[in-house]
Structures are given as structure tokens and as C-alpha cells.
Amino acid sequence: MVQETPVKKILLINGSPNEKGCSFTALDEIAGELSKNGVGSEILWLGKKPMGAAESAGVSKPEYEPHVFTNFI
């Protein structure tokens, strides 16, 4: 028999370059609803700098080129 483990805290990720923009506002609304239901949350802002393998290796990329994340956890 499988036992369900209650969710204690959810990490909400804000990938927008604007720390307190529309994405934050939406995530903050979600956090509020989660809190009403007894679930904790934390909003993590990733920042303005580009992320990914090319950037960490010091390779420059044009700003207009989209980045596809392939290193999922």
C-alpha cells in the first residue's frame, strides 16, 4: 500500500528578468492560495543574467538567440 506524503513546501520559480513583474505577481497569487490550503511556498527569482551551459563555459551568445534548457533535474 502506498502512503501519501503531505506537501510541506513548494518552490515557485520566477524566470522573468523583472524581479517584481507580472510573473512574480502571478506566482504571489499562487503562493497565497497555497498558504490558504496549508501549503508553504517560496518564490525563487533566477535573476537577469542568461543561464545555461554556454554562459557557464564563458561562450557569448547573441541576445536574440533563444536558449533551450536540456539540463533538467
N, C-alpha and C. Protein backbone atom coordinates (compact mmCIF):
# COMPACT_ATOMS: atom_id res chain seq x y z
N MET A 1 0.83 -1.17 0.00
CA MET A 1 0.00 0.00 0.00
C MET A 1 0.89 1.25 0.00
N VAL A 2 0.55 2.20 -0.86
CA VAL A 2 1.32 3.44 -0.98
C VAL A 2 0.73 4.49 -0.04
N GLN A 3 1.61 5.09 0.76
CA GLN A 3 1.17 6.16 1.66
C GLN A 3 1.48 7.50 1.02
N GLU A 4 0.51 8.39 1.07
CA GLU A 4 0.74 9.73 0.53
C GLU A 4 1.48 10.59 1.56
N THR A 5 2.48 11.30 1.09
CA THR A 5 3.21 12.22 1.94
C THR A 5 2.66 13.62 1.71
N PRO A 6 2.24 14.31 2.76
CA PRO A 6 1.70 15.65 2.57
C PRO A 6 2.78 16.62 2.05
N VAL A 7 2.37 17.50 1.16
CA VAL A 7 3.28 18.51 0.63
C VAL A 7 3.50 19.57 1.71
N LYS A 8 4.76 19.85 2.00
CA LYS A 8 5.09 20.82 3.05
C LYS A 8 5.44 22.18 2.48
N LYS A 9 6.14 22.18 1.35
CA LYS A 9 6.56 23.46 0.77
C LYS A 9 6.81 23.27 -0.72
N ILE A 10 6.41 24.27 -1.49
CA ILE A 10 6.58 24.23 -2.94
C ILE A 10 7.48 25.38 -3.36
N LEU A 11 8.43 25.09 -4.23
CA LEU A 11 9.32 26.12 -4.77
C LEU A 11 8.71 26.65 -6.06
N LEU A 12 8.43 27.95 -6.09
CA LEU A 12 7.89 28.62 -7.27
C LEU A 12 9.04 29.39 -7.92
N ILE A 13 9.30 29.14 -9.20
CA ILE A 13 10.46 29.72 -9.87
C ILE A 13 10.03 30.86 -10.79
N ASN A 14 10.59 32.04 -10.54
CA ASN A 14 10.35 33.22 -11.36
C ASN A 14 11.52 33.36 -12.32
N GLY A 15 11.30 33.03 -13.60
CA GLY A 15 12.35 33.11 -14.60
C GLY A 15 12.36 34.42 -15.37
N SER A 16 11.51 35.36 -14.97
CA SER A 16 11.44 36.65 -15.65
C SER A 16 12.65 37.51 -15.28
N PRO A 17 13.14 38.33 -16.21
CA PRO A 17 14.23 39.25 -15.85
C PRO A 17 13.77 40.37 -14.92
N ASN A 18 12.45 40.54 -14.79
CA ASN A 18 11.88 41.56 -13.90
C ASN A 18 11.48 40.91 -12.58
N GLU A 19 12.24 41.19 -11.55
CA GLU A 19 12.06 40.50 -10.26
C GLU A 19 10.64 40.63 -9.71
N LYS A 20 10.03 41.79 -9.81
CA LYS A 20 8.69 42.01 -9.24
C LYS A 20 7.67 42.32 -10.33
N GLY A 21 7.82 41.71 -11.51
CA GLY A 21 6.92 41.95 -12.63
C GLY A 21 5.67 41.08 -12.60
N CYS A 22 5.11 40.85 -13.77
CA CYS A 22 3.86 40.09 -13.91
C CYS A 22 4.02 38.63 -13.46
N SER A 23 5.16 38.02 -13.78
CA SER A 23 5.38 36.62 -13.36
C SER A 23 5.38 36.52 -11.84
N PHE A 24 6.05 37.48 -11.19
CA PHE A 24 6.06 37.49 -9.73
C PHE A 24 4.64 37.64 -9.19
N THR A 25 3.88 38.55 -9.78
CA THR A 25 2.51 38.79 -9.32
C THR A 25 1.68 37.51 -9.41
N ALA A 26 1.81 36.78 -10.52
CA ALA A 26 1.08 35.52 -10.68
C ALA A 26 1.54 34.48 -9.66
N LEU A 27 2.85 34.37 -9.47
CA LEU A 27 3.37 33.41 -8.50
C LEU A 27 2.97 33.77 -7.08
N ASP A 28 2.91 35.07 -6.80
CA ASP A 28 2.49 35.53 -5.48
C ASP A 28 1.03 35.17 -5.21
N GLU A 29 0.19 35.25 -6.23
CA GLU A 29 -1.21 34.84 -6.11
C GLU A 29 -1.30 33.34 -5.83
N ILE A 30 -0.49 32.56 -6.52
CA ILE A 30 -0.46 31.12 -6.29
C ILE A 30 0.00 30.82 -4.88
N ALA A 31 1.04 31.53 -4.43
CA ALA A 31 1.56 31.34 -3.07
C ALA A 31 0.49 31.63 -2.03
N GLY A 32 -0.31 32.65 -2.28
CA GLY A 32 -1.39 32.99 -1.36
C GLY A 32 -2.43 31.90 -1.27
N GLU A 33 -2.80 31.33 -2.42
CA GLU A 33 -3.78 30.23 -2.43
C GLU A 33 -3.21 28.98 -1.76
N LEU A 34 -1.95 28.71 -2.01
CA LEU A 34 -1.32 27.56 -1.36
C LEU A 34 -1.34 27.73 0.16
N SER A 35 -1.03 28.93 0.61
CA SER A 35 -1.00 29.23 2.04
C SER A 35 -2.37 29.03 2.67
N LYS A 36 -3.42 29.44 1.97
CA LYS A 36 -4.79 29.25 2.46
C LYS A 36 -5.11 27.78 2.68
N ASN A 37 -4.43 26.92 1.91
CA ASN A 37 -4.65 25.48 2.00
C ASN A 37 -3.58 24.77 2.82
N GLY A 38 -2.81 25.53 3.58
CA GLY A 38 -1.84 24.95 4.49
C GLY A 38 -0.54 24.47 3.86
N VAL A 39 -0.26 24.95 2.64
CA VAL A 39 0.97 24.55 1.95
C VAL A 39 1.90 25.75 1.86
N GLY A 40 3.12 25.59 2.33
CA GLY A 40 4.11 26.67 2.27
C GLY A 40 4.70 26.79 0.88
N SER A 41 5.27 27.94 0.58
CA SER A 41 5.90 28.14 -0.72
C SER A 41 7.00 29.18 -0.59
N GLU A 42 7.87 29.17 -1.58
CA GLU A 42 8.95 30.15 -1.65
C GLU A 42 9.13 30.51 -3.11
N ILE A 43 9.25 31.81 -3.40
CA ILE A 43 9.47 32.26 -4.77
C ILE A 43 10.96 32.51 -4.96
N LEU A 44 11.53 31.83 -5.95
CA LEU A 44 12.95 31.98 -6.28
C LEU A 44 13.07 32.74 -7.59
N TRP A 45 13.73 33.90 -7.56
CA TRP A 45 13.97 34.68 -8.77
C TRP A 45 15.33 34.29 -9.33
N LEU A 46 15.38 33.91 -10.59
CA LEU A 46 16.62 33.45 -11.20
C LEU A 46 17.57 34.58 -11.58
N GLY A 47 17.07 35.79 -11.67
CA GLY A 47 17.93 36.93 -11.99
C GLY A 47 17.87 37.33 -13.44
N LYS A 48 18.70 38.30 -13.80
CA LYS A 48 18.68 38.85 -15.15
C LYS A 48 19.70 38.24 -16.09
N LYS A 49 20.72 37.61 -15.53
CA LYS A 49 21.79 37.08 -16.38
C LYS A 49 21.33 35.82 -17.11
N PRO A 50 21.80 35.61 -18.34
CA PRO A 50 21.47 34.38 -19.08
C PRO A 50 22.00 33.15 -18.33
N MET A 51 21.31 32.04 -18.49
CA MET A 51 21.72 30.80 -17.82
C MET A 51 21.92 29.71 -18.86
N GLY A 52 22.72 28.73 -18.53
CA GLY A 52 22.90 27.59 -19.40
C GLY A 52 24.35 27.22 -19.55
N ALA A 53 24.58 26.16 -20.27
CA ALA A 53 25.93 25.62 -20.43
C ALA A 53 26.85 26.59 -21.15
N ALA A 54 26.36 27.27 -22.19
CA ALA A 54 27.22 28.18 -22.95
C ALA A 54 27.70 29.33 -22.07
N GLU A 55 26.79 29.89 -21.27
CA GLU A 55 27.17 31.01 -20.41
C GLU A 55 28.15 30.58 -19.33
N SER A 56 27.93 29.41 -18.74
CA SER A 56 28.83 28.97 -17.68
C SER A 56 30.21 28.62 -18.22
N ALA A 57 30.29 28.31 -19.52
CA ALA A 57 31.57 28.00 -20.13
C ALA A 57 32.26 29.25 -20.67
N GLY A 58 31.59 30.40 -20.53
CA GLY A 58 32.18 31.65 -20.99
C GLY A 58 31.98 31.92 -22.47
N VAL A 59 31.07 31.20 -23.12
CA VAL A 59 30.80 31.39 -24.54
C VAL A 59 29.71 32.45 -24.67
N SER A 60 29.96 33.48 -25.46
CA SER A 60 28.95 34.52 -25.62
C SER A 60 27.94 34.11 -26.69
N LYS A 61 26.70 34.51 -26.48
CA LYS A 61 25.62 34.22 -27.42
C LYS A 61 24.91 35.54 -27.72
N PRO A 62 24.41 35.71 -28.94
CA PRO A 62 23.62 36.91 -29.23
C PRO A 62 22.38 36.97 -28.34
N GLU A 63 21.96 38.16 -27.94
CA GLU A 63 20.82 38.32 -27.05
C GLU A 63 19.53 37.78 -27.66
N TYR A 64 19.38 37.84 -28.97
CA TYR A 64 18.14 37.43 -29.62
C TYR A 64 18.01 35.92 -29.79
N GLU A 65 19.07 35.19 -29.58
CA GLU A 65 19.03 33.73 -29.78
C GLU A 65 18.37 33.05 -28.58
N PRO A 66 17.29 32.29 -28.82
CA PRO A 66 16.64 31.61 -27.70
C PRO A 66 17.51 30.50 -27.14
N HIS A 67 17.31 30.19 -25.89
CA HIS A 67 18.07 29.11 -25.24
C HIS A 67 17.11 28.00 -24.84
N VAL A 68 17.43 26.79 -25.19
CA VAL A 68 16.62 25.64 -24.80
C VAL A 68 17.37 24.92 -23.69
N PHE A 69 16.67 24.77 -22.55
CA PHE A 69 17.29 24.11 -21.41
C PHE A 69 17.21 22.59 -21.60
N THR A 70 18.34 21.93 -21.50
CA THR A 70 18.37 20.48 -21.66
C THR A 70 18.88 19.79 -20.40
N ASN A 71 19.22 20.57 -19.39
CA ASN A 71 19.79 20.00 -18.17
C ASN A 71 18.78 20.02 -17.04
N PHE A 72 17.65 19.33 -17.25
CA PHE A 72 16.62 19.28 -16.22
C PHE A 72 17.05 18.38 -15.07
N ILE A 73 16.59 18.70 -13.89
CA ILE A 73 16.91 17.91 -12.70
C ILE A 73 16.00 16.72 -12.66
